[in-house]
Amino acid sequence: MEVQFGFDKPAHERFALMLWNYARFDFGKSYFRDVTVLQLIKEKLPVSMSLGITMTLLTYLISIPLVSARRWTTARVSTCGHRA
């Protein structure tokens, strides 16, 4: 088990190997599924990106009109020529 997880090597060597593997996009093999982690990321990336883009657009579509409405009502209600 020590060899499988790399605990037979010093910490600095394991860390350097981890950085080298990450630089080459080698994230290892999944413990739960018999595929590489990169394959899992490629499989799930389209759904994650579509959710992220959708939520970003939804946030802007809600917040911009709210801010505009707030500024319009604040400017309309202010007195004496200065903003509230």
C-alpha atoms as a PDB file:
ATOM      1  CA  MET A   1       0.000   0.000   0.000  1.00  0.00           C
ATOM      2  CA  GLU A   2       2.911   2.359   0.714  1.00  0.00           C
ATOM      3  CA  VAL A   3       4.260   1.870  -2.809  1.00  0.00           C
ATOM      4  CA  GLN A   4       0.808   2.256  -4.390  1.00  0.00           C
ATOM      5  CA  PHE A   5       0.274   5.700  -2.818  1.00  0.00           C
ATOM      6  CA  GLY A   6       3.941   6.746  -2.994  1.00  0.00           C
ATOM      7  CA  PHE A   7       4.600   6.809   0.749  1.00  0.00           C
ATOM      8  CA  ASP A   8       7.872   4.949   0.196  1.00  0.00           C
ATOM      9  CA  LYS A   9       9.395   8.221  -1.144  1.00  0.00           C
ATOM     10  CA  PRO A  10      10.205  11.421   0.764  1.00  0.00           C
ATOM     11  CA  ALA A  11       7.584  14.186   0.894  1.00  0.00           C
ATOM     12  CA  HIS A  12       9.489  16.620  -1.324  1.00  0.00           C
ATOM     13  CA  GLU A  13       9.889  13.956  -4.023  1.00  0.00           C
ATOM     14  CA  ARG A  14       6.170  13.076  -3.891  1.00  0.00           C
ATOM     15  CA  PHE A  15       5.294  16.777  -4.117  1.00  0.00           C
ATOM     16  CA  ALA A  16       7.577  17.338  -7.130  1.00  0.00           C
ATOM     17  CA  LEU A  17       6.117  14.272  -8.844  1.00  0.00           C
ATOM     18  CA  MET A  18       2.592  15.515  -8.142  1.00  0.00           C
ATOM     19  CA  LEU A  19       3.374  18.928  -9.671  1.00  0.00           C
ATOM     20  CA  TRP A  20       5.001  17.269 -12.693  1.00  0.00           C
ATOM     21  CA  ASN A  21       1.932  15.073 -13.215  1.00  0.00           C
ATOM     22  CA  TYR A  22      -0.451  18.031 -12.859  1.00  0.00           C
ATOM     23  CA  ALA A  23       1.571  20.033 -15.397  1.00  0.00           C
ATOM     24  CA  ARG A  24       1.033  17.168 -17.873  1.00  0.00           C
ATOM     25  CA  PHE A  25      -2.685  16.909 -16.936  1.00  0.00           C
ATOM     26  CA  ASP A  26      -2.095  13.468 -15.456  1.00  0.00           C
ATOM     27  CA  PHE A  27      -4.434  13.375 -12.457  1.00  0.00           C
ATOM     28  CA  GLY A  28      -4.201   9.631 -11.970  1.00  0.00           C
ATOM     29  CA  LYS A  29      -6.896   6.982 -11.914  1.00  0.00           C
ATOM     30  CA  SER A  30     -10.236   7.199 -10.143  1.00  0.00           C
ATOM     31  CA  TYR A  31     -10.572   5.045  -7.046  1.00  0.00           C
ATOM     32  CA  PHE A  32     -14.296   4.516  -7.590  1.00  0.00           C
ATOM     33  CA  ARG A  33     -14.507   4.082 -11.363  1.00  0.00           C
ATOM     34  CA  ASP A  34     -12.082   2.254 -13.615  1.00  0.00           C
ATOM     35  CA  VAL A  35     -11.160   5.339 -15.697  1.00  0.00           C
ATOM     36  CA  THR A  36      -8.692   8.183 -15.486  1.00  0.00           C
ATOM     37  CA  VAL A  37      -9.649  11.353 -13.663  1.00  0.00           C
ATOM     38  CA  LEU A  38      -9.110  13.362 -16.859  1.00  0.00           C
ATOM     39  CA  GLN A  39     -11.754  11.238 -18.614  1.00  0.00           C
ATOM     40  CA  LEU A  40     -14.178  11.947 -15.769  1.00  0.00           C
ATOM     41  CA  ILE A  41     -13.471  15.680 -16.050  1.00  0.00           C
ATOM     42  CA  LYS A  42     -14.036  15.596 -19.821  1.00  0.00           C
ATOM     43  CA  GLU A  43     -17.289  13.714 -19.267  1.00  0.00           C
ATOM     44  CA  LYS A  44     -18.671  16.190 -16.715  1.00  0.00           C
ATOM     45  CA  LEU A  45     -17.264  19.445 -18.121  1.00  0.00           C
ATOM     46  CA  PRO A  46     -20.076  20.271 -20.613  1.00  0.00           C
ATOM     47  CA  VAL A  47     -22.750  20.036 -17.924  1.00  0.00           C
ATOM     48  CA  SER A  48     -20.706  22.108 -15.461  1.00  0.00           C
ATOM     49  CA  MET A  49     -19.967  24.792 -18.050  1.00  0.00           C
ATOM     50  CA  SER A  50     -23.582  25.033 -19.179  1.00  0.00           C
ATOM     51  CA  LEU A  51     -24.744  25.401 -15.568  1.00  0.00           C
ATOM     52  CA  GLY A  52     -22.091  28.027 -14.864  1.00  0.00           C
ATOM     53  CA  ILE A  53     -22.924  30.071 -17.952  1.00  0.00           C
ATOM     54  CA  THR A  54     -26.664  29.795 -17.325  1.00  0.00           C
ATOM     55  CA  MET A  55     -26.330  30.936 -13.712  1.00  0.00           C
ATOM     56  CA  THR A  56     -24.061  33.834 -14.700  1.00  0.00           C
ATOM     57  CA  LEU A  57     -26.553  35.038 -17.309  1.00  0.00           C
ATOM     58  CA  LEU A  58     -29.453  34.603 -14.894  1.00  0.00           C
ATOM     59  CA  THR A  59     -27.617  36.612 -12.244  1.00  0.00           C
ATOM     60  CA  TYR A  60     -27.013  39.481 -14.649  1.00  0.00           C
ATOM     61  CA  LEU A  61     -30.552  39.342 -16.037  1.00  0.00           C
ATOM     62  CA  ILE A  62     -31.928  39.742 -12.499  1.00  0.00           C
ATOM     63  CA  SER A  63     -29.395  42.128 -10.951  1.00  0.00           C
ATOM     64  CA  ILE A  64     -29.054  44.741 -13.707  1.00  0.00           C
ATOM     65  CA  PRO A  65     -32.780  45.572 -13.840  1.00  0.00           C
ATOM     66  CA  LEU A  66     -32.958  45.625 -10.034  1.00  0.00           C
ATOM     67  CA  VAL A  67     -30.044  48.061  -9.750  1.00  0.00           C
ATOM     68  CA  SER A  68     -31.473  50.230 -12.521  1.00  0.00           C
ATOM     69  CA  ALA A  69     -34.883  50.306 -10.846  1.00  0.00           C
ATOM     70  CA  ARG A  70     -33.329  51.153  -7.496  1.00  0.00           C
ATOM     71  CA  ARG A  71     -31.308  54.018  -8.939  1.00  0.00           C
ATOM     72  CA  TRP A  72     -34.314  55.349 -10.848  1.00  0.00           C
ATOM     73  CA  THR A  73     -36.535  55.366  -7.758  1.00  0.00           C
ATOM     74  CA  THR A  74     -33.758  56.838  -5.570  1.00  0.00           C
ATOM     75  CA  ALA A  75     -33.143  59.661  -8.044  1.00  0.00           C
ATOM     76  CA  ARG A  76     -36.869  60.359  -8.282  1.00  0.00           C
ATOM     77  CA  VAL A  77     -37.457  60.455  -4.516  1.00  0.00           C
ATOM     78  CA  SER A  78     -34.421  62.583  -3.599  1.00  0.00           C
ATOM     79  CA  THR A  79     -35.044  66.155  -2.545  1.00  0.00           C
ATOM     80  CA  CYS A  80     -33.056  69.388  -2.571  1.00  0.00           C
ATOM     81  CA  GLY A  81     -31.118  68.386  -5.685  1.00  0.00           C
ATOM     82  CA  HIS A  82     -28.858  65.825  -4.008  1.00  0.00           C
ATOM     83  CA  ARG A  83     -29.057  62.063  -4.126  1.00  0.00           C
ATOM     84  CA  ALA A  84     -30.218  60.143  -1.104  1.00  0.00           C
END
